Amino acid sequence: MVEIGAGGGSIARINHLGSLQVGPDSAGSAPGPAAYGNGGTLPTVTDAHAVLGTLTPERFAVGKVALRPELAREAIQAHLAAPAGLDTPQAAHAVVEVVSENMANAARVHASELGKSADEHVLIAFGGAAPLHAAGLARKLGIARVVIPESAGVGSAVGFLWAPIAYQAVRSFHQRLAQVDHAAVQALLDELAAGVDAVVRRAAPDVALRHKRVVFMRYSGQGHEIPVDLPDGPFDAAAGARLAEAFAQRYAQLYGRNLPHVAVEAVSWSIAAQAGERRVPEADRIADGPATAARQAGTRRLYDFEGDGWIEAPCFERAALDAEQKVTGPALVVEDETTTFVPAGFEARRSRLGSLVLDDLRAARLPNDKEIAS
């Protein structure tokens, strides 16, 4: 998890350098964005979308929040557009761009820390606002495919309900592997295992438990650690040697080299207990063959930054799409929990299991198969 302060309530302002800044502070739910009409006067990311037309007021929060775009326009005009010398929709678009760039930068750093390249992966977006930003974020990262799962607006809650009962404990215990106290480490591991088992057994007393042991390690003098798996079994001299070898391999994988002349340290030890097997979803695919244009449910007035003007973009009900239909951007795919923005150059299709799959037709590396990451 990388916290970057890019939620719908994140406040936008012109900072002391004269640049647009979004977050990290938030308007929260009280008073909330200006468009909520609860007394908030500062412009937020939600207000920017209300101005740009990507949010449908009558569908917002299943109609439980009466979104007022006129209040959003007033807030953005007063606090952003006027000080920066921009039109109100240009200022609103700038807020969305800054937020998307903040997310892209966080993704680049995270991928780099893991020794990976973001453009080799699929972007999966969930949460109430993520589908509004997902395609733009993917384009910044060079990612060609975006997947919006079913129930994306409540994705965390769905994941919590689907996930097996599990508990993880971490304990700091600094050891240099060259002089490691095997007995003391084994005692610590036994204590951690007993603790996590006791917690999980309260909810799953009769289910077989699975364990995962991880050691957070570094070279002496470094200020950060990397996680290294520790296989099951007693922690003896042979296990310590295997752990040192695994650390060297993992470090080289991440950073392209290791430092054999520097002492290796274990800083923290972790054990997680899980009741039963993790649910494995069925493999999902996009339907083979050409797709027909989906039937639109109406239009919505959107601000088109590339054309610097307003357009009438088609809207589609996600529930009405089938696997043989496609949506060509710019367009909106609406549902009760969220809205997906399909920009120009993207094509969206519904997978066999209900995910909304967006492909960037302008991407340098287009998806070459119909299979979707499970």
Protein backbone atom coordinates (compact mmCIF):
# COMPACT_ATOMS: atom_id res chain seq x y z
CA MET A 1 0.00 0.00 0.00
CA VAL A 2 1.30 3.44 -0.97
CA GLU A 3 -0.45 6.43 0.61
CA ILE A 4 -0.33 9.47 -1.68
CA GLY A 5 -3.36 11.60 -0.72
CA ALA A 6 -5.26 11.35 -4.00
CA GLY A 7 -8.80 10.68 -2.85
CA GLY A 8 -11.99 12.37 -3.95
CA GLY A 9 -11.87 14.67 -0.93
CA SER A 10 -8.25 15.76 -1.44
CA ILE A 11 -8.10 19.56 -1.44
CA ALA A 12 -6.61 21.46 -4.38
CA ARG A 13 -4.87 24.81 -3.97
CA ILE A 14 -2.37 27.16 -5.54
CA ASN A 15 0.68 26.79 -3.29
CA HIS A 16 3.27 29.39 -2.31
CA LEU A 17 5.25 28.64 -5.49
CA GLY A 18 2.27 29.45 -7.65
CA SER A 19 1.81 25.80 -8.65
CA LEU A 20 -1.28 23.65 -8.37
CA GLN A 21 -1.08 21.23 -5.48
CA VAL A 22 -3.56 18.48 -4.58
CA GLY A 23 -3.58 17.02 -1.07
CA PRO A 24 -2.39 15.65 1.19
CA ASP A 25 -5.12 17.20 3.36
CA SER A 26 -8.71 16.26 2.70
CA ALA A 27 -12.15 17.78 3.11
CA GLY A 28 -13.30 14.39 4.38
CA SER A 29 -17.02 13.73 4.55
CA ALA A 30 -17.79 16.70 6.80
CA PRO A 31 -17.99 19.26 5.37
CA GLY A 32 -16.77 17.33 2.32
CA PRO A 33 -16.30 18.68 -1.22
CA ALA A 34 -18.01 21.94 -2.09
CA ALA A 35 -20.39 20.04 -4.38
CA TYR A 36 -21.85 18.20 -1.38
CA GLY A 37 -23.50 21.43 -0.25
CA ASN A 38 -22.60 20.81 3.39
CA GLY A 39 -20.68 24.04 3.88
CA GLY A 40 -17.39 23.07 2.25
CA THR A 41 -15.86 25.87 0.19
CA LEU A 42 -12.48 24.47 -0.80
CA PRO A 43 -12.15 22.72 -4.19
CA THR A 44 -11.47 18.99 -4.20
CA VAL A 45 -10.95 16.21 -6.74
CA THR A 46 -14.66 15.40 -6.58
CA ASP A 47 -15.45 19.03 -7.38
CA ALA A 48 -13.15 18.87 -10.40
CA HIS A 49 -15.05 15.89 -11.77
CA ALA A 50 -18.36 17.60 -11.08
CA VAL A 51 -17.21 20.56 -13.17
CA LEU A 52 -15.86 18.40 -16.00
CA GLY A 53 -19.10 16.43 -16.25
CA THR A 54 -17.60 13.01 -15.52
CA LEU A 55 -19.85 12.62 -12.48
CA THR A 56 -23.58 12.22 -12.96
CA PRO A 57 -25.28 14.15 -10.12
CA GLU A 58 -28.43 12.03 -10.05
CA ARG A 59 -26.40 8.77 -9.88
CA PHE A 60 -23.78 9.93 -7.39
CA ALA A 61 -23.68 7.71 -4.27
CA VAL A 62 -26.78 5.90 -5.57
CA GLY A 63 -28.64 9.20 -5.34
CA LYS A 64 -28.05 9.52 -1.59
CA VAL A 65 -25.88 12.63 -2.01
CA ALA A 66 -27.37 15.53 -3.97
CA LEU A 67 -24.33 16.64 -5.92
CA ARG A 68 -24.37 20.37 -6.76
CA PRO A 69 -21.98 21.12 -9.65
CA GLU A 70 -22.64 24.86 -9.42
CA LEU A 71 -21.00 24.95 -5.96
CA ALA A 72 -18.04 23.03 -7.33
CA ARG A 73 -17.64 25.58 -10.12
CA GLU A 74 -17.71 28.44 -7.62
CA ALA A 75 -15.01 26.82 -5.47
CA ILE A 76 -12.71 26.05 -8.39
CA GLN A 77 -13.19 29.47 -9.94
CA ALA A 78 -12.45 31.31 -6.71
CA HIS A 79 -9.52 29.26 -5.42
CA LEU A 80 -7.87 27.90 -8.58
CA ALA A 81 -9.01 29.38 -11.87
CA ALA A 82 -8.88 33.08 -10.94
CA PRO A 83 -5.47 32.95 -9.18
CA ALA A 84 -3.95 30.89 -12.00
CA GLY A 85 -5.54 32.83 -14.86
CA LEU A 86 -7.37 29.78 -16.21
CA ASP A 87 -10.89 29.05 -17.29
CA THR A 88 -12.86 27.05 -14.74
CA PRO A 89 -12.90 23.79 -16.76
CA GLN A 90 -9.18 24.15 -17.48
CA ALA A 91 -8.49 24.47 -13.77
CA ALA A 92 -10.68 21.45 -13.04
CA HIS A 93 -8.83 19.41 -15.65
CA ALA A 94 -5.53 20.49 -14.12
CA VAL A 95 -6.66 19.06 -10.77
CA VAL A 96 -7.41 15.69 -12.38
CA GLU A 97 -4.07 15.74 -14.20
CA VAL A 98 -2.11 16.50 -11.03
CA VAL A 99 -3.86 13.71 -9.12
CA SER A 100 -3.23 11.25 -11.95
CA GLU A 101 0.42 12.27 -12.12
CA ASN A 102 0.76 11.81 -8.36
CA MET A 103 -0.58 8.28 -8.72
CA ALA A 104 1.65 7.59 -11.72
CA ASN A 105 4.75 8.74 -9.83
CA ALA A 106 3.88 6.51 -6.89
CA ALA A 107 3.38 3.56 -9.23
CA ARG A 108 6.71 4.19 -10.97
CA VAL A 109 8.58 4.34 -7.67
CA HIS A 110 6.83 1.25 -6.33
CA ALA A 111 7.54 -0.72 -9.50
CA SER A 112 11.17 0.38 -9.46
CA GLU A 113 11.56 -0.72 -5.85
CA LEU A 114 10.29 -4.15 -6.84
CA GLY A 115 12.55 -4.36 -9.87
CA LYS A 116 9.60 -4.30 -12.28
CA SER A 117 8.34 -2.18 -15.16
CA ALA A 118 4.78 -0.91 -14.89
CA ASP A 119 4.07 -1.08 -18.62
CA GLU A 120 4.42 -4.87 -18.59
CA HIS A 121 1.38 -5.26 -16.36
CA VAL A 122 -2.38 -4.83 -16.32
CA LEU A 123 -3.88 -2.03 -14.22
CA ILE A 124 -6.77 -3.13 -11.99
CA ALA A 125 -8.85 -0.25 -10.62
CA PHE A 126 -11.30 -0.45 -7.75
CA GLY A 127 -12.85 2.08 -5.41
CA GLY A 128 -15.48 4.72 -5.98
CA ALA A 129 -13.26 7.18 -7.89
CA ALA A 130 -10.53 4.98 -9.39
CA PRO A 131 -12.44 4.10 -12.60
CA LEU A 132 -12.60 7.81 -13.39
CA HIS A 133 -8.80 8.06 -13.37
CA ALA A 134 -7.74 4.55 -14.41
CA ALA A 135 -7.42 5.03 -18.16
CA GLY A 136 -5.55 8.32 -17.82
CA LEU A 137 -3.23 6.78 -15.27
CA ALA A 138 -2.61 3.78 -17.52
CA ARG A 139 -1.71 6.05 -20.41
CA LYS A 140 0.83 7.92 -18.26
CA LEU A 141 2.42 4.61 -17.26
CA GLY A 142 2.37 3.09 -20.74
CA ILE A 143 -0.03 0.37 -19.61
CA ALA A 144 -2.21 -0.89 -22.45
CA ARG A 145 -4.99 -2.66 -20.54
CA VAL A 146 -7.18 -1.62 -17.61
CA VAL A 147 -9.59 -3.92 -15.79
CA ILE A 148 -12.52 -2.58 -13.75
CA PRO A 149 -13.89 -5.59 -11.81
CA GLU A 150 -17.53 -6.01 -10.94
CA SER A 151 -18.50 -4.18 -7.73
CA ALA A 152 -15.37 -2.04 -8.11
CA GLY A 153 -16.86 0.71 -5.97
CA VAL A 154 -16.91 -1.62 -2.98
CA GLY A 155 -13.89 -3.67 -4.01
CA SER A 156 -12.21 -3.59 -0.60
CA ALA A 157 -15.37 -4.84 1.11
CA VAL A 158 -15.76 -7.64 -1.44
CA GLY A 159 -12.13 -8.62 -0.96
CA PHE A 160 -12.57 -8.69 2.79
CA LEU A 161 -15.56 -11.01 2.48
CA TRP A 162 -13.85 -13.32 -0.02
CA ALA A 163 -10.47 -13.48 1.69
CA PRO A 164 -9.74 -16.41 4.01
CA ILE A 165 -9.45 -15.71 7.72
CA ALA A 166 -5.85 -14.75 8.37
CA TYR A 167 -3.64 -12.93 10.85
CA GLN A 168 -0.06 -11.69 10.66
CA ALA A 169 2.38 -10.77 13.42
CA VAL A 170 5.76 -9.02 13.09
CA ARG A 171 8.47 -8.79 15.72
CA SER A 172 11.72 -6.83 15.64
CA PHE A 173 14.76 -8.92 16.52
CA HIS A 174 18.03 -7.65 15.08
CA GLN A 175 20.49 -10.39 14.15
CA ARG A 176 23.57 -10.56 11.97
CA LEU A 177 23.35 -13.81 10.05
CA ALA A 178 27.05 -14.53 10.52
CA GLN A 179 26.52 -14.61 14.32
CA VAL A 180 22.81 -15.47 14.48
CA ASP A 181 21.46 -17.02 17.66
CA HIS A 182 19.55 -19.95 16.19
CA ALA A 183 17.90 -20.95 19.45
CA ALA A 184 16.67 -17.43 20.17
CA VAL A 185 15.28 -17.04 16.65
CA GLN A 186 13.52 -20.40 16.89
CA ALA A 187 11.96 -19.39 20.21
CA LEU A 188 10.74 -16.14 18.63
CA LEU A 189 9.25 -18.00 15.65
CA ASP A 190 7.49 -20.46 17.95
CA GLU A 191 6.04 -17.59 19.97
CA LEU A 192 4.84 -15.75 16.86
CA ALA A 193 3.29 -18.93 15.43
CA ALA A 194 1.43 -19.66 18.64
CA GLY A 195 0.11 -16.10 18.77
CA VAL A 196 -1.21 -15.96 15.19
CA ASP A 197 -2.69 -19.46 15.46
CA ALA A 198 -4.60 -18.49 18.59
CA VAL A 199 -6.15 -15.49 16.84
CA VAL A 200 -7.18 -17.39 13.71
CA ARG A 201 -8.52 -20.33 15.72
CA ARG A 202 -11.10 -18.06 17.35
CA ALA A 203 -12.81 -17.67 13.98
CA ALA A 204 -11.86 -20.98 12.34
CA PRO A 205 -11.37 -23.58 15.08
CA ASP A 206 -11.59 -26.65 12.85
CA VAL A 207 -9.87 -25.56 9.62
CA ALA A 208 -6.32 -26.53 8.74
CA LEU A 209 -3.95 -23.58 8.96
CA ARG A 210 -1.30 -22.55 6.47
CA HIS A 211 1.68 -20.43 7.47
CA LYS A 212 3.94 -17.99 5.69
CA ARG A 213 7.18 -16.85 7.31
CA VAL A 214 8.98 -13.73 6.12
CA VAL A 215 12.21 -12.10 7.29
CA PHE A 216 12.91 -8.42 6.61
CA MET A 217 16.61 -8.17 5.78
CA ARG A 218 19.26 -5.69 4.67
CA TYR A 219 22.97 -5.19 4.32
CA SER A 220 24.62 -3.65 7.35
CA GLY A 221 24.42 0.13 7.24
CA GLN A 222 21.36 0.31 5.01
CA GLY A 223 18.21 2.06 6.14
CA HIS A 224 15.65 -0.13 4.41
CA GLU A 225 14.85 -3.84 4.36
CA ILE A 226 13.50 -6.27 1.78
CA PRO A 227 11.21 -9.20 2.59
CA VAL A 228 12.62 -12.70 2.11
CA ASP A 229 10.58 -15.88 2.49
CA LEU A 230 11.66 -18.29 5.22
CA PRO A 231 10.53 -21.86 4.49
CA ASP A 232 8.93 -23.99 7.19
CA GLY A 233 11.16 -26.06 9.41
CA PRO A 234 13.52 -25.54 12.33
CA PHE A 235 15.78 -22.51 12.19
CA ASP A 236 19.19 -24.16 12.41
CA ALA A 237 22.52 -23.46 10.76
CA ALA A 238 21.37 -24.93 7.45
CA ALA A 239 18.22 -22.77 7.49
CA GLY A 240 20.32 -19.70 8.24
CA ALA A 241 22.60 -20.43 5.29
CA ARG A 242 19.61 -20.89 2.98
CA LEU A 243 18.15 -17.59 4.23
CA ALA A 244 21.40 -15.74 3.47
CA GLU A 245 21.45 -17.23 -0.03
CA ALA A 246 17.80 -16.32 -0.62
CA PHE A 247 18.50 -12.74 0.48
CA ALA A 248 21.44 -12.42 -1.95
CA GLN A 249 19.31 -13.73 -4.82
CA ARG A 250 16.37 -11.46 -4.00
CA TYR A 251 18.61 -8.40 -3.59
CA ALA A 252 20.27 -9.06 -6.96
CA GLN A 253 16.87 -9.52 -8.56
CA LEU A 254 15.73 -6.13 -7.27
CA TYR A 255 18.89 -4.08 -7.70
CA GLY A 256 20.97 -5.94 -10.29
CA ARG A 257 23.81 -6.84 -7.91
CA ASN A 258 24.56 -7.96 -4.39
CA LEU A 259 27.28 -7.01 -1.88
CA PRO A 260 29.04 -10.19 -0.76
CA HIS A 261 31.63 -8.24 1.24
CA VAL A 262 28.97 -6.58 3.48
CA ALA A 263 27.42 -8.26 6.51
CA VAL A 264 23.77 -9.33 6.20
CA GLU A 265 21.27 -8.42 8.92
CA ALA A 266 17.80 -9.70 9.77
CA VAL A 267 15.77 -6.89 11.32
CA SER A 268 12.21 -8.19 11.70
CA TRP A 269 10.53 -11.60 11.63
CA SER A 270 6.96 -12.22 10.56
CA ILE A 271 4.53 -15.14 10.53
CA ALA A 272 1.07 -15.15 8.96
CA ALA A 273 -1.52 -17.86 9.59
CA GLN A 274 -4.33 -18.50 7.11
CA ALA A 275 -7.37 -20.74 7.56
CA GLY A 276 -7.85 -22.97 4.53
CA GLU A 277 -7.04 -22.22 0.90
CA ARG A 278 -7.28 -18.86 -0.77
CA ARG A 279 -10.11 -18.61 -3.25
CA VAL A 280 -8.87 -19.00 -6.82
CA PRO A 281 -11.14 -17.16 -9.27
CA GLU A 282 -12.11 -18.64 -12.58
CA ALA A 283 -9.99 -17.50 -15.51
CA ASP A 284 -11.67 -14.65 -17.33
CA ARG A 285 -11.58 -13.80 -21.03
CA ILE A 286 -12.86 -11.29 -23.53
CA ALA A 287 -15.19 -12.87 -26.06
CA ASP A 288 -13.55 -13.94 -29.31
CA GLY A 289 -14.58 -12.32 -32.54
CA PRO A 290 -15.53 -8.77 -33.48
CA ALA A 291 -17.69 -6.70 -31.17
CA THR A 292 -20.69 -4.59 -32.09
CA ALA A 293 -21.25 -1.06 -30.84
CA ALA A 294 -23.13 -0.95 -27.55
CA ARG A 295 -26.47 0.82 -27.33
CA GLN A 296 -26.09 4.09 -25.44
CA ALA A 297 -28.37 5.10 -22.60
CA GLY A 298 -28.03 8.83 -23.19
CA THR A 299 -25.37 11.52 -23.44
CA ARG A 300 -23.50 13.71 -21.01
CA ARG A 301 -21.80 17.06 -21.56
CA LEU A 302 -18.08 16.58 -20.92
CA TYR A 303 -15.15 18.95 -21.15
CA ASP A 304 -12.67 17.79 -23.79
CA PHE A 305 -9.25 19.19 -22.85
CA GLU A 306 -7.59 18.11 -26.10
CA GLY A 307 -10.20 20.04 -28.09
CA ASP A 308 -10.53 22.77 -25.43
CA GLY A 309 -14.30 22.62 -25.56
CA TRP A 310 -17.42 20.78 -24.51
CA ILE A 311 -18.68 17.64 -26.20
CA GLU A 312 -21.77 15.45 -25.92
CA ALA A 313 -20.33 12.09 -24.90
CA PRO A 314 -22.40 8.90 -24.95
CA CYS A 315 -23.28 7.19 -21.68
CA PHE A 316 -23.74 3.45 -21.26
CA GLU A 317 -25.25 1.41 -18.45
CA ARG A 318 -22.69 -1.14 -17.38
CA ALA A 319 -25.39 -3.65 -16.41
CA ALA A 320 -26.78 -3.52 -19.95
CA LEU A 321 -23.48 -4.33 -21.71
CA ASP A 322 -22.84 -7.84 -22.92
CA ALA A 323 -19.63 -9.60 -23.91
CA GLU A 324 -20.16 -9.01 -27.64
CA GLN A 325 -20.46 -5.23 -27.37
CA LYS A 326 -17.85 -2.49 -27.21
CA VAL A 327 -17.71 1.12 -26.08
CA THR A 328 -15.45 3.53 -27.93
CA GLY A 329 -14.16 6.59 -26.10
CA PRO A 330 -14.79 9.30 -25.21
CA ALA A 331 -17.66 7.84 -23.23
CA LEU A 332 -18.92 7.13 -19.73
CA VAL A 333 -19.96 3.73 -18.39
CA VAL A 334 -22.20 4.33 -15.40
CA GLU A 335 -23.40 2.15 -12.53
CA ASP A 336 -24.68 2.74 -9.01
CA GLU A 337 -21.29 2.43 -7.28
CA THR A 338 -18.97 4.28 -9.65
CA THR A 339 -18.45 5.71 -13.13
CA THR A 340 -15.81 4.60 -15.63
CA PHE A 341 -14.40 7.24 -17.95
CA VAL A 342 -13.33 5.85 -21.33
CA PRO A 343 -11.11 8.50 -22.97
CA ALA A 344 -10.58 8.96 -26.68
CA GLY A 345 -8.35 6.19 -28.03
CA PHE A 346 -9.65 3.58 -25.59
CA GLU A 347 -12.07 0.77 -26.34
CA ALA A 348 -14.02 -0.94 -23.55
CA ARG A 349 -15.56 -4.41 -23.54
CA ARG A 350 -17.26 -6.52 -20.90
CA SER A 351 -15.52 -9.77 -20.07
CA ARG A 352 -17.35 -13.08 -19.75
CA LEU A 353 -17.32 -12.76 -15.95
CA GLY A 354 -18.46 -9.15 -15.89
CA SER A 355 -15.25 -7.11 -15.67
CA LEU A 356 -14.99 -3.98 -17.78
CA VAL A 357 -11.80 -4.17 -19.85
CA LEU A 358 -10.34 -1.01 -21.39
CA ASP A 359 -7.65 -1.31 -24.07
CA ASP A 360 -5.58 1.70 -25.13
CA LEU A 361 -5.52 1.55 -28.92
CA ARG A 362 -2.75 4.19 -28.94
CA ALA A 363 -0.43 2.18 -26.69
CA ALA A 364 2.95 1.14 -28.03
CA ARG A 365 2.46 -2.38 -26.71
CA LEU A 366 -1.10 -3.58 -27.35
CA PRO A 367 -2.57 -6.62 -25.55
CA ASN A 368 -2.04 -9.64 -27.78
CA ASP A 369 -4.51 -12.03 -26.17
CA LYS A 370 -8.02 -12.14 -24.82
CA GLU A 371 -7.18 -13.51 -21.39
CA ILE A 372 -7.50 -11.24 -18.35
CA ALA A 373 -5.48 -11.54 -15.17
CA SER A 374 -7.60 -13.34 -12.57
